[in-house]
């Protein structure tokens, strides 16, 4: 191969590599859709409620989802949640049935590598959690919905321009009031779930 052809090949290869790296940069206007599986580990001490005594809430896993947009190269908004999961409840008096938990998170994320050509894009976020509790199986038991703060750490590993592997952990302040028909208010349950998951991110 002569020098001209060699230089041309090098230039073309360099251009392709530069282009492939450039498309990995996060920038304002990017839209993300995330999906995966996560395990939720609730606080080890779930509080104490009248009648039942010390409360225990089971750990569970389920599908997660999210959608987000970058409003700046380094700042984005994300709405995320998890499919409805069923947690078993128990106390000093034994089993208290189960309840379904359906969480939603609205967060502001900071991407420190935003705008830079990097296949690894970590992020940190904070915002508001709303958790809906339904389907109490113990007759007369009512678990109120909960509002609280939520924070998260995550990372995207770009495979292509549009497809990334994702991993995250988030922690939410969830403490619903619990009541029982005929007995009134029983106290608050300290759920405070830590959710650890992984999956994929698609960028548009």
N, C-alpha and C. Protein backbone atom coordinates (compact mmCIF):
# COMPACT_ATOMS: atom_id res chain seq x y z
N UNK A 1 0.86 -1.19 0.00
CA UNK A 1 0.00 0.00 0.00
C UNK A 1 0.90 1.23 0.00
N UNK A 2 0.64 2.19 -0.94
CA UNK A 2 1.50 3.37 -0.98
C UNK A 2 1.11 4.36 0.12
N UNK A 3 1.92 5.38 0.28
CA UNK A 3 1.73 6.32 1.38
C UNK A 3 0.40 7.05 1.31
N UNK A 4 -0.02 7.45 0.10
CA UNK A 4 -1.28 8.18 -0.07
C UNK A 4 -2.46 7.34 0.38
N UNK A 5 -2.46 6.03 -0.07
CA UNK A 5 -3.56 5.14 0.33
C UNK A 5 -3.54 4.88 1.83
N UNK A 6 -2.34 4.73 2.39
CA UNK A 6 -2.23 4.49 3.82
C UNK A 6 -2.76 5.68 4.61
N UNK A 7 -2.38 6.88 4.21
CA UNK A 7 -2.84 8.08 4.90
C UNK A 7 -4.36 8.24 4.76
N UNK A 8 -4.87 7.90 3.59
CA UNK A 8 -6.32 7.99 3.37
C UNK A 8 -7.07 7.02 4.27
N UNK A 9 -6.53 5.79 4.37
CA UNK A 9 -7.18 4.78 5.21
C UNK A 9 -7.16 5.21 6.67
N UNK A 10 -6.03 5.75 7.11
CA UNK A 10 -5.92 6.23 8.49
C UNK A 10 -6.90 7.37 8.74
N UNK A 11 -7.00 8.29 7.80
CA UNK A 11 -7.90 9.43 7.95
C UNK A 11 -9.35 8.99 8.03
N UNK A 12 -9.72 8.04 7.15
CA UNK A 12 -11.09 7.52 7.16
C UNK A 12 -11.40 6.81 8.47
N UNK A 13 -10.47 5.97 8.92
CA UNK A 13 -10.66 5.25 10.18
C UNK A 13 -10.78 6.21 11.35
N UNK A 14 -9.93 7.21 11.38
CA UNK A 14 -9.97 8.20 12.45
C UNK A 14 -11.29 8.96 12.44
N UNK A 15 -11.76 9.25 11.24
CA UNK A 15 -13.04 9.96 11.12
C UNK A 15 -14.20 9.14 11.62
N UNK A 16 -14.19 7.83 11.29
CA UNK A 16 -15.25 6.93 11.76
C UNK A 16 -15.23 6.82 13.27
N UNK A 17 -14.02 6.65 13.84
CA UNK A 17 -13.89 6.53 15.30
C UNK A 17 -14.35 7.82 15.97
N UNK A 18 -13.92 8.95 15.42
CA UNK A 18 -14.31 10.23 16.01
C UNK A 18 -15.81 10.41 15.96
N UNK A 19 -16.42 10.01 14.85
CA UNK A 19 -17.86 10.13 14.71
C UNK A 19 -18.57 9.23 15.69
N UNK A 20 -18.10 7.98 15.83
CA UNK A 20 -18.75 7.03 16.73
C UNK A 20 -18.64 7.48 18.18
N UNK A 21 -17.53 8.16 18.53
CA UNK A 21 -17.37 8.66 19.88
C UNK A 21 -18.24 9.89 20.10
N UNK A 22 -18.33 10.74 19.08
CA UNK A 22 -19.08 11.98 19.24
C UNK A 22 -20.55 11.72 19.50
N UNK A 23 -21.10 10.69 18.88
CA UNK A 23 -22.53 10.43 19.06
C UNK A 23 -22.82 9.92 20.46
N UNK A 24 -21.79 9.61 21.26
CA UNK A 24 -22.02 9.15 22.62
C UNK A 24 -22.21 10.32 23.58
N UNK A 25 -21.94 11.53 23.14
CA UNK A 25 -22.08 12.69 24.00
C UNK A 25 -23.56 12.97 24.27
N UNK A 26 -23.90 13.18 25.54
CA UNK A 26 -25.26 13.56 25.88
C UNK A 26 -25.42 15.06 25.62
N UNK A 27 -26.58 15.46 25.13
CA UNK A 27 -26.79 16.87 24.83
C UNK A 27 -28.25 17.23 25.05
N UNK A 28 -28.49 18.52 25.24
CA UNK A 28 -29.84 19.02 25.50
C UNK A 28 -30.78 18.57 24.38
N UNK A 29 -31.96 18.14 24.77
CA UNK A 29 -32.96 17.68 23.80
C UNK A 29 -33.03 16.18 23.66
N UNK A 30 -32.01 15.45 24.16
CA UNK A 30 -32.05 13.98 24.10
C UNK A 30 -33.22 13.47 24.94
N UNK A 31 -33.92 12.47 24.42
CA UNK A 31 -35.03 11.83 25.13
C UNK A 31 -34.64 10.39 25.42
N UNK A 32 -34.94 9.94 26.65
CA UNK A 32 -34.57 8.59 27.08
C UNK A 32 -35.80 7.80 27.50
N UNK A 33 -35.75 6.51 27.21
CA UNK A 33 -36.74 5.57 27.73
C UNK A 33 -35.96 4.43 28.37
N UNK A 34 -36.27 4.12 29.63
CA UNK A 34 -35.55 3.07 30.35
C UNK A 34 -36.50 1.94 30.73
N UNK A 35 -35.94 0.74 30.86
CA UNK A 35 -36.72 -0.40 31.32
C UNK A 35 -35.79 -1.45 31.90
N UNK A 36 -36.29 -2.23 32.86
CA UNK A 36 -35.45 -3.25 33.46
C UNK A 36 -36.14 -3.97 34.59
N UNK A 37 -35.34 -4.61 35.43
CA UNK A 37 -35.83 -5.35 36.58
C UNK A 37 -35.09 -4.86 37.81
N UNK A 38 -35.80 -4.76 38.94
CA UNK A 38 -35.18 -4.26 40.16
C UNK A 38 -35.70 -5.01 41.37
N UNK A 39 -34.86 -5.07 42.40
CA UNK A 39 -35.27 -5.63 43.69
C UNK A 39 -35.39 -4.50 44.69
N UNK A 40 -36.49 -4.51 45.41
CA UNK A 40 -36.73 -3.51 46.43
C UNK A 40 -36.51 -4.10 47.80
N UNK A 41 -35.57 -3.51 48.55
CA UNK A 41 -35.31 -3.92 49.91
C UNK A 41 -35.82 -2.82 50.83
N UNK A 42 -36.79 -3.16 51.67
CA UNK A 42 -37.37 -2.17 52.57
C UNK A 42 -36.48 -2.03 53.80
N UNK A 43 -36.74 -0.98 54.59
CA UNK A 43 -35.95 -0.74 55.80
C UNK A 43 -36.01 -1.96 56.71
N UNK A 44 -34.93 -2.21 57.45
CA UNK A 44 -34.88 -3.37 58.33
C UNK A 44 -35.84 -3.22 59.52
N UNK A 45 -36.07 -1.98 59.93
CA UNK A 45 -37.02 -1.69 61.00
C UNK A 45 -38.21 -0.98 60.39
N UNK A 46 -39.35 -1.68 60.28
CA UNK A 46 -40.50 -1.12 59.58
C UNK A 46 -41.48 -0.41 60.51
N UNK A 47 -41.03 -0.09 61.70
CA UNK A 47 -41.87 0.66 62.62
C UNK A 47 -42.72 -0.25 63.51
N UNK A 48 -43.57 0.41 64.27
CA UNK A 48 -44.42 -0.33 65.21
C UNK A 48 -45.83 0.24 65.12
N UNK A 49 -46.81 -0.63 65.01
CA UNK A 49 -48.20 -0.19 64.95
C UNK A 49 -48.97 -0.83 66.09
N UNK A 50 -49.95 -0.08 66.60
CA UNK A 50 -50.77 -0.59 67.69
C UNK A 50 -51.45 -1.89 67.28
N UNK A 51 -51.68 -2.75 68.21
CA UNK A 51 -52.33 -4.04 68.02
C UNK A 51 -51.37 -5.07 67.44
N UNK A 52 -50.72 -4.73 66.28
CA UNK A 52 -49.85 -5.69 65.60
C UNK A 52 -48.45 -5.74 66.19
N UNK A 53 -48.02 -4.65 66.86
CA UNK A 53 -46.66 -4.61 67.39
C UNK A 53 -45.65 -4.25 66.32
N UNK A 54 -44.43 -4.81 66.41
CA UNK A 54 -43.39 -4.54 65.42
C UNK A 54 -43.84 -5.03 64.05
N UNK A 55 -43.71 -4.16 63.07
CA UNK A 55 -44.18 -4.47 61.72
C UNK A 55 -43.04 -4.94 60.84
N UNK A 56 -43.32 -5.92 60.00
CA UNK A 56 -42.33 -6.42 59.05
C UNK A 56 -42.93 -6.41 57.65
N UNK A 57 -42.20 -5.81 56.70
CA UNK A 57 -42.63 -5.73 55.30
C UNK A 57 -41.63 -6.49 54.44
N UNK A 58 -42.10 -7.38 53.59
CA UNK A 58 -41.21 -8.24 52.81
C UNK A 58 -40.52 -7.48 51.68
N UNK A 59 -39.30 -7.95 51.32
CA UNK A 59 -38.60 -7.45 50.13
C UNK A 59 -39.20 -8.11 48.89
N UNK A 60 -39.26 -7.36 47.80
CA UNK A 60 -39.84 -7.90 46.56
C UNK A 60 -39.08 -7.37 45.35
N UNK A 61 -39.35 -7.96 44.17
CA UNK A 61 -38.75 -7.47 42.92
C UNK A 61 -39.82 -7.32 41.86
N UNK A 62 -39.51 -6.50 40.84
CA UNK A 62 -40.47 -6.28 39.76
C UNK A 62 -39.86 -5.48 38.64
N UNK A 63 -40.63 -5.26 37.60
CA UNK A 63 -40.18 -4.50 36.43
C UNK A 63 -40.17 -3.01 36.73
N UNK A 64 -39.21 -2.31 36.16
CA UNK A 64 -39.12 -0.86 36.31
C UNK A 64 -39.18 -0.18 34.94
N UNK A 65 -39.51 1.10 34.94
CA UNK A 65 -39.61 1.85 33.70
C UNK A 65 -39.31 3.32 33.99
N UNK A 66 -39.01 4.06 32.94
CA UNK A 66 -38.76 5.48 33.11
C UNK A 66 -38.68 6.18 31.77
N UNK A 67 -38.94 7.47 31.79
CA UNK A 67 -38.79 8.30 30.60
C UNK A 67 -38.19 9.63 31.04
N UNK A 68 -37.27 10.15 30.24
CA UNK A 68 -36.60 11.38 30.64
C UNK A 68 -36.19 12.23 29.45
N UNK A 69 -35.85 13.47 29.74
CA UNK A 69 -35.39 14.39 28.71
C UNK A 69 -34.28 15.26 29.30
N UNK A 70 -33.27 15.54 28.49
CA UNK A 70 -32.21 16.45 28.91
C UNK A 70 -32.61 17.88 28.55
N UNK A 71 -32.72 18.74 29.54
CA UNK A 71 -33.05 20.14 29.30
C UNK A 71 -31.77 20.96 29.14
N UNK A 72 -30.65 20.33 29.45
CA UNK A 72 -29.31 20.92 29.33
C UNK A 72 -28.38 19.74 29.14
N UNK A 73 -27.17 19.99 28.62
CA UNK A 73 -26.22 18.89 28.42
C UNK A 73 -25.99 18.08 29.69
N UNK A 74 -26.07 18.74 30.84
CA UNK A 74 -25.76 18.07 32.10
C UNK A 74 -26.97 17.92 33.04
N UNK A 75 -28.13 18.39 32.65
CA UNK A 75 -29.30 18.36 33.54
C UNK A 75 -30.50 17.78 32.80
N UNK A 76 -31.20 16.86 33.46
CA UNK A 76 -32.37 16.26 32.83
C UNK A 76 -33.49 16.03 33.83
N UNK A 77 -34.70 15.81 33.30
CA UNK A 77 -35.87 15.45 34.10
C UNK A 77 -36.23 14.00 33.82
N UNK A 78 -36.66 13.29 34.83
CA UNK A 78 -37.01 11.88 34.66
C UNK A 78 -38.25 11.52 35.47
N UNK A 79 -39.18 10.82 34.85
CA UNK A 79 -40.33 10.25 35.53
C UNK A 79 -40.17 8.74 35.47
N UNK A 80 -40.10 8.10 36.64
CA UNK A 80 -39.84 6.67 36.68
C UNK A 80 -40.77 5.99 37.67
N UNK A 81 -40.81 4.67 37.59
CA UNK A 81 -41.65 3.92 38.51
C UNK A 81 -41.37 2.44 38.41
N UNK A 82 -42.19 1.68 39.09
CA UNK A 82 -42.06 0.23 39.13
C UNK A 82 -43.45 -0.36 39.02
N UNK A 83 -43.52 -1.55 38.42
CA UNK A 83 -44.81 -2.20 38.35
C UNK A 83 -45.36 -2.44 39.76
N UNK A 84 -46.67 -2.60 39.87
CA UNK A 84 -47.28 -2.87 41.16
C UNK A 84 -46.73 -4.16 41.74
N UNK A 85 -46.18 -4.07 42.94
CA UNK A 85 -45.60 -5.25 43.59
C UNK A 85 -46.35 -5.51 44.91
N UNK A 86 -46.46 -6.76 45.25
CA UNK A 86 -47.19 -7.17 46.45
C UNK A 86 -46.22 -7.48 47.59
N UNK A 87 -46.39 -6.80 48.72
CA UNK A 87 -45.55 -7.00 49.89
C UNK A 87 -46.35 -7.72 50.98
N UNK A 88 -45.76 -8.75 51.56
CA UNK A 88 -46.38 -9.42 52.70
C UNK A 88 -46.14 -8.60 53.96
N UNK A 89 -47.16 -8.52 54.80
CA UNK A 89 -47.08 -7.79 56.06
C UNK A 89 -47.23 -8.75 57.23
N UNK A 90 -46.47 -8.53 58.27
CA UNK A 90 -46.60 -9.34 59.48
C UNK A 90 -46.22 -8.51 60.68
N UNK A 91 -46.69 -8.95 61.86
CA UNK A 91 -46.40 -8.26 63.11
C UNK A 91 -46.19 -9.27 64.22
N UNK A 92 -46.14 -8.77 65.44
CA UNK A 92 -45.94 -9.67 66.58
C UNK A 92 -47.08 -10.67 66.71
N UNK A 93 -48.25 -10.31 66.20
CA UNK A 93 -49.41 -11.19 66.31
C UNK A 93 -49.52 -12.15 65.13
N UNK A 94 -48.55 -12.07 64.20
CA UNK A 94 -48.56 -12.97 63.05
C UNK A 94 -48.80 -12.25 61.74
N UNK A 95 -49.25 -12.99 60.73
CA UNK A 95 -49.45 -12.45 59.39
C UNK A 95 -50.57 -11.41 59.38
N UNK A 96 -50.34 -10.32 58.63
CA UNK A 96 -51.33 -9.26 58.48
C UNK A 96 -51.78 -9.15 57.02
N UNK A 97 -51.58 -10.21 56.25
CA UNK A 97 -51.97 -10.18 54.85
C UNK A 97 -50.91 -9.54 53.99
N UNK A 98 -51.34 -8.86 52.96
CA UNK A 98 -50.41 -8.22 52.03
C UNK A 98 -51.00 -6.91 51.52
N UNK A 99 -50.14 -6.12 50.88
CA UNK A 99 -50.57 -4.86 50.29
C UNK A 99 -49.77 -4.63 49.02
N UNK A 100 -50.39 -3.99 48.03
CA UNK A 100 -49.72 -3.68 46.77
C UNK A 100 -49.11 -2.28 46.85
N UNK A 101 -47.89 -2.16 46.38
CA UNK A 101 -47.18 -0.87 46.37
C UNK A 101 -46.90 -0.46 44.93
N UNK A 102 -47.29 0.76 44.58
CA UNK A 102 -47.08 1.28 43.23
C UNK A 102 -46.39 2.64 43.33
N UNK A 103 -45.06 2.70 43.10
CA UNK A 103 -44.32 3.95 43.27
C UNK A 103 -44.13 4.74 41.97
N UNK A 104 -44.08 6.06 42.12
CA UNK A 104 -43.76 6.97 41.02
C UNK A 104 -42.72 7.97 41.52
N UNK A 105 -41.72 8.27 40.69
CA UNK A 105 -40.67 9.21 41.06
C UNK A 105 -40.53 10.29 39.99
N UNK A 106 -40.50 11.54 40.41
CA UNK A 106 -40.20 12.65 39.52
C UNK A 106 -38.91 13.27 40.00
N UNK A 107 -37.86 13.18 39.16
CA UNK A 107 -36.53 13.59 39.61
C UNK A 107 -35.82 14.50 38.63
N UNK A 108 -34.92 15.29 39.17
CA UNK A 108 -33.98 16.08 38.38
C UNK A 108 -32.64 15.34 38.45
N UNK A 109 -32.08 15.00 37.29
CA UNK A 109 -30.81 14.27 37.23
C UNK A 109 -29.68 15.18 36.78
N UNK A 110 -28.52 14.97 37.36
CA UNK A 110 -27.30 15.69 36.94
C UNK A 110 -26.35 14.69 36.29
N UNK A 111 -25.92 14.98 35.06
CA UNK A 111 -25.01 14.14 34.29
C UNK A 111 -23.64 14.84 34.22
N UNK A 112 -22.68 14.47 35.06
CA UNK A 112 -21.39 15.17 35.08
C UNK A 112 -20.61 15.06 33.77
N UNK A 113 -20.88 13.97 32.98
CA UNK A 113 -20.17 13.80 31.72
C UNK A 113 -20.98 14.30 30.53
N UNK A 114 -22.11 14.94 30.81
CA UNK A 114 -22.95 15.45 29.73
C UNK A 114 -22.19 16.42 28.84
N UNK A 115 -22.37 16.28 27.53
CA UNK A 115 -21.67 17.13 26.59
C UNK A 115 -20.29 16.64 26.22
N UNK A 116 -19.79 15.63 26.92
CA UNK A 116 -18.48 15.07 26.64
C UNK A 116 -18.62 13.75 25.88
N UNK A 117 -17.64 13.45 25.04
CA UNK A 117 -17.66 12.20 24.26
C UNK A 117 -17.24 11.05 25.15
N UNK A 118 -18.21 10.42 25.77
CA UNK A 118 -17.93 9.32 26.68
C UNK A 118 -19.01 8.25 26.57
N UNK A 119 -18.57 7.00 26.50
CA UNK A 119 -19.52 5.89 26.45
C UNK A 119 -20.09 5.59 27.84
N UNK A 120 -19.42 6.08 28.88
CA UNK A 120 -19.88 5.89 30.25
C UNK A 120 -20.48 7.20 30.73
N UNK A 121 -21.77 7.17 31.07
CA UNK A 121 -22.47 8.38 31.48
C UNK A 121 -23.14 8.15 32.84
N UNK A 122 -22.46 8.50 33.93
CA UNK A 122 -23.07 8.39 35.26
C UNK A 122 -24.04 9.54 35.50
N UNK A 123 -24.93 9.37 36.47
CA UNK A 123 -25.84 10.45 36.83
C UNK A 123 -26.27 10.31 38.28
N UNK A 124 -26.70 11.44 38.84
CA UNK A 124 -27.21 11.47 40.20
C UNK A 124 -28.48 12.31 40.18
N UNK A 125 -29.49 11.88 40.92
CA UNK A 125 -30.75 12.59 40.86
C UNK A 125 -31.44 12.69 42.21
N UNK A 126 -32.38 13.62 42.30
CA UNK A 126 -33.18 13.80 43.51
C UNK A 126 -34.53 14.37 43.12
N UNK A 127 -35.55 14.08 43.94
CA UNK A 127 -36.86 14.60 43.61
C UNK A 127 -37.93 14.12 44.57
N UNK A 128 -39.14 13.93 44.03
CA UNK A 128 -40.31 13.60 44.83
C UNK A 128 -40.82 12.20 44.49
N UNK A 129 -41.15 11.45 45.54
CA UNK A 129 -41.74 10.12 45.38
C UNK A 129 -43.20 10.14 45.82
N UNK A 130 -44.05 9.50 45.02
CA UNK A 130 -45.44 9.27 45.40
C UNK A 130 -45.67 7.76 45.34
N UNK A 131 -46.11 7.19 46.43
CA UNK A 131 -46.35 5.75 46.48
C UNK A 131 -47.82 5.49 46.82
N UNK A 132 -48.45 4.70 45.97
CA UNK A 132 -49.86 4.35 46.17
C UNK A 132 -49.94 2.93 46.72
N UNK A 133 -50.70 2.75 47.78
CA UNK A 133 -50.90 1.43 48.37
C UNK A 133 -52.36 0.99 48.15
N UNK A 134 -52.53 -0.21 47.63
CA UNK A 134 -53.86 -0.73 47.35
C UNK A 134 -53.90 -2.23 47.66
N UNK A 135 -55.10 -2.80 47.59
CA UNK A 135 -55.25 -4.25 47.65
C UNK A 135 -54.92 -4.87 48.98
N UNK A 136 -55.17 -4.17 50.09
CA UNK A 136 -54.93 -4.76 51.41
C UNK A 136 -55.81 -6.01 51.57
N UNK A 137 -55.19 -7.13 51.90
CA UNK A 137 -55.95 -8.39 51.98
C UNK A 137 -56.54 -8.64 53.36
N UNK A 138 -56.02 -7.96 54.40
CA UNK A 138 -56.59 -8.11 55.74
C UNK A 138 -57.83 -7.23 55.83
N UNK A 139 -58.95 -7.80 56.15
CA UNK A 139 -60.21 -7.08 56.21
C UNK A 139 -60.13 -5.90 57.17
N UNK A 140 -60.48 -4.71 56.67
CA UNK A 140 -60.49 -3.52 57.50
C UNK A 140 -59.19 -2.77 57.56
N UNK A 141 -58.10 -3.34 57.04
CA UNK A 141 -56.79 -2.68 57.07
C UNK A 141 -56.71 -1.66 55.95
N UNK A 142 -56.21 -0.47 56.28
CA UNK A 142 -56.06 0.58 55.28
C UNK A 142 -54.67 1.20 55.39
N UNK A 143 -53.91 1.16 54.30
CA UNK A 143 -52.57 1.76 54.24
C UNK A 143 -52.66 2.98 53.34
N UNK A 144 -52.41 4.17 53.90
CA UNK A 144 -52.54 5.41 53.14
C UNK A 144 -51.44 5.56 52.10
N UNK A 145 -51.73 6.36 51.09
CA UNK A 145 -50.70 6.71 50.11
C UNK A 145 -49.66 7.61 50.77
N UNK A 146 -48.47 7.69 50.17
CA UNK A 146 -47.35 8.39 50.80
C UNK A 146 -46.63 9.31 49.83
N UNK A 147 -46.20 10.47 50.33
CA UNK A 147 -45.34 11.40 49.59
C UNK A 147 -44.03 11.53 50.36
N UNK A 148 -42.92 11.63 49.64
CA UNK A 148 -41.64 11.81 50.30
C UNK A 148 -40.53 12.10 49.31
N UNK A 149 -39.34 12.30 49.82
CA UNK A 149 -38.18 12.58 48.98
C UNK A 149 -37.61 11.28 48.41
N UNK A 150 -36.92 11.38 47.28
CA UNK A 150 -36.26 10.23 46.67
C UNK A 150 -34.94 10.70 46.06
N UNK A 151 -33.92 9.85 46.13
CA UNK A 151 -32.64 10.14 45.51
C UNK A 151 -32.15 8.92 44.75
N UNK A 152 -31.30 9.11 43.77
CA UNK A 152 -30.81 7.98 42.99
C UNK A 152 -29.40 8.22 42.46
N UNK A 153 -28.72 7.10 42.20
CA UNK A 153 -27.45 7.07 41.49
C UNK A 153 -27.62 6.10 40.34
N UNK A 154 -27.07 6.43 39.18
CA UNK A 154 -27.20 5.53 38.05
C UNK A 154 -26.05 5.69 37.07
N UNK A 155 -26.02 4.79 36.09
CA UNK A 155 -24.99 4.85 35.07
C UNK A 155 -25.51 4.22 33.78
N UNK A 156 -25.21 4.86 32.67
CA UNK A 156 -25.51 4.32 31.34
C UNK A 156 -24.20 3.97 30.66
N UNK A 157 -24.14 2.77 30.07
CA UNK A 157 -22.97 2.34 29.30
C UNK A 157 -23.40 2.19 27.85
N UNK A 158 -22.95 3.10 27.00
CA UNK A 158 -23.39 3.14 25.61
C UNK A 158 -22.81 1.98 24.81
N UNK A 159 -23.69 1.25 24.15
CA UNK A 159 -23.29 0.20 23.21
C UNK A 159 -23.35 0.74 21.79
N UNK A 160 -24.41 1.46 21.49
CA UNK A 160 -24.55 2.18 20.23
C UNK A 160 -25.08 3.57 20.55
N UNK A 161 -25.32 4.35 19.52
CA UNK A 161 -25.84 5.70 19.71
C UNK A 161 -27.19 5.67 20.45
N UNK A 162 -28.03 4.69 20.13
CA UNK A 162 -29.38 4.65 20.68
C UNK A 162 -29.58 3.67 21.83
N UNK A 163 -28.64 2.72 22.02
CA UNK A 163 -28.85 1.66 23.00
C UNK A 163 -27.76 1.67 24.05
N UNK A 164 -28.18 1.64 25.32
CA UNK A 164 -27.25 1.65 26.44
C UNK A 164 -27.69 0.65 27.50
N UNK A 165 -26.73 0.09 28.20
CA UNK A 165 -27.02 -0.71 29.38
C UNK A 165 -27.11 0.23 30.57
N UNK A 166 -28.03 -0.07 31.48
CA UNK A 166 -28.29 0.84 32.59
C UNK A 166 -28.27 0.11 33.93
N UNK A 167 -27.75 0.77 34.94
CA UNK A 167 -27.80 0.27 36.30
C UNK A 167 -28.10 1.43 37.24
N UNK A 168 -28.86 1.18 38.31
CA UNK A 168 -29.22 2.28 39.20
C UNK A 168 -29.55 1.76 40.59
N UNK A 169 -29.53 2.68 41.54
CA UNK A 169 -30.02 2.42 42.88
C UNK A 169 -30.73 3.69 43.35
N UNK A 170 -31.92 3.54 43.94
CA UNK A 170 -32.58 4.71 44.49
C UNK A 170 -33.14 4.42 45.88
N UNK A 171 -33.32 5.47 46.63
CA UNK A 171 -33.82 5.36 48.01
C UNK A 171 -34.92 6.38 48.19
N UNK A 172 -36.07 5.93 48.72
CA UNK A 172 -37.21 6.82 48.89
C UNK A 172 -37.67 6.85 50.34
N UNK A 173 -38.17 8.00 50.75
CA UNK A 173 -38.73 8.17 52.09
C UNK A 173 -40.22 7.85 52.01
N UNK A 174 -40.59 6.64 52.43
CA UNK A 174 -41.99 6.19 52.34
C UNK A 174 -42.44 5.75 53.73
N UNK A 175 -43.41 6.47 54.30
CA UNK A 175 -43.91 6.15 55.64
C UNK A 175 -45.41 6.33 55.73
N UNK A 176 -46.20 5.42 55.15
CA UNK A 176 -47.66 5.59 55.14
C UNK A 176 -48.29 5.37 56.51
N UNK A 177 -49.38 6.08 56.77
CA UNK A 177 -50.17 5.84 57.97
C UNK A 177 -51.01 4.59 57.78
N UNK A 178 -51.17 3.84 58.87
CA UNK A 178 -51.92 2.57 58.82
C UNK A 178 -53.09 2.65 59.80
N UNK A 179 -54.25 2.20 59.35
CA UNK A 179 -55.42 2.19 60.23
C UNK A 179 -56.18 0.88 60.05
N UNK A 180 -56.98 0.56 61.05
CA UNK A 180 -57.77 -0.67 61.01
C UNK A 180 -59.20 -0.33 61.42
N UNK A 181 -60.13 -0.77 60.60
CA UNK A 181 -61.53 -0.49 60.88
C UNK A 181 -61.91 -1.02 62.26
N UNK A 182 -62.49 -0.13 63.06
CA UNK A 182 -62.88 -0.52 64.40
C UNK A 182 -61.82 -0.21 65.45
N UNK A 183 -60.58 -0.05 65.02
CA UNK A 183 -59.49 0.25 65.95
C UNK A 183 -58.89 1.63 65.71
N UNK A 184 -59.22 2.24 64.57
CA UNK A 184 -58.71 3.58 64.26
C UNK A 184 -57.27 3.55 63.78
N UNK A 185 -56.58 4.68 63.98
CA UNK A 185 -55.19 4.81 63.54
C UNK A 185 -54.28 3.87 64.34
N UNK A 186 -53.41 3.16 63.63
CA UNK A 186 -52.49 2.23 64.27
C UNK A 186 -51.07 2.77 64.34
N UNK A 187 -50.79 3.84 63.58
CA UNK A 187 -49.43 4.36 63.53
C UNK A 187 -48.95 4.45 62.09
N UNK A 188 -47.65 4.54 61.92
CA UNK A 188 -47.04 4.66 60.59
C UNK A 188 -46.12 3.48 60.31
N UNK A 189 -46.10 3.07 59.08
CA UNK A 189 -45.19 2.02 58.64
C UNK A 189 -43.95 2.66 58.03
N UNK A 190 -42.79 2.26 58.43
CA UNK A 190 -41.53 2.77 57.88
C UNK A 190 -41.08 1.81 56.79
N UNK A 191 -41.39 2.16 55.54
CA UNK A 191 -41.05 1.29 54.41
C UNK A 191 -39.67 1.66 53.86
N UNK A 192 -39.47 2.95 53.54
CA UNK A 192 -38.19 3.48 53.06
C UNK A 192 -37.45 2.52 52.13
N UNK A 193 -38.02 2.23 50.97
CA UNK A 193 -37.44 1.21 50.08
C UNK A 193 -36.15 1.66 49.40
N UNK A 194 -35.18 0.75 49.34
CA UNK A 194 -34.00 0.92 48.50
C UNK A 194 -34.15 -0.03 47.33
N UNK A 195 -34.15 0.53 46.12
CA UNK A 195 -34.39 -0.25 44.92
C UNK A 195 -33.12 -0.32 44.08
N UNK A 196 -32.67 -1.53 43.80
CA UNK A 196 -31.45 -1.75 43.01
C UNK A 196 -31.83 -2.49 41.75
N UNK A 197 -31.49 -1.93 40.60
CA UNK A 197 -31.92 -2.57 39.35
C UNK A 197 -30.98 -2.37 38.19
N UNK A 198 -31.32 -3.00 37.11
CA UNK A 198 -30.54 -2.90 35.88
C UNK A 198 -31.42 -3.19 34.68
N UNK A 199 -30.98 -2.72 33.54
CA UNK A 199 -31.78 -2.94 32.33
C UNK A 199 -31.15 -2.21 31.15
N UNK A 200 -31.98 -1.53 30.39
CA UNK A 200 -31.51 -0.89 29.18
C UNK A 200 -32.09 0.53 29.06
N UNK A 201 -31.34 1.39 28.39
CA UNK A 201 -31.79 2.74 28.09
C UNK A 201 -31.78 2.94 26.58
N UNK A 202 -32.85 3.50 26.05
CA UNK A 202 -32.92 3.80 24.62
C UNK A 202 -32.99 5.31 24.47
N UNK A 203 -32.13 5.85 23.61
CA UNK A 203 -32.06 7.30 23.40
C UNK A 203 -32.61 7.65 22.02
N UNK A 204 -33.35 8.75 21.96
CA UNK A 204 -33.93 9.20 20.69
C UNK A 204 -33.48 10.61 20.37
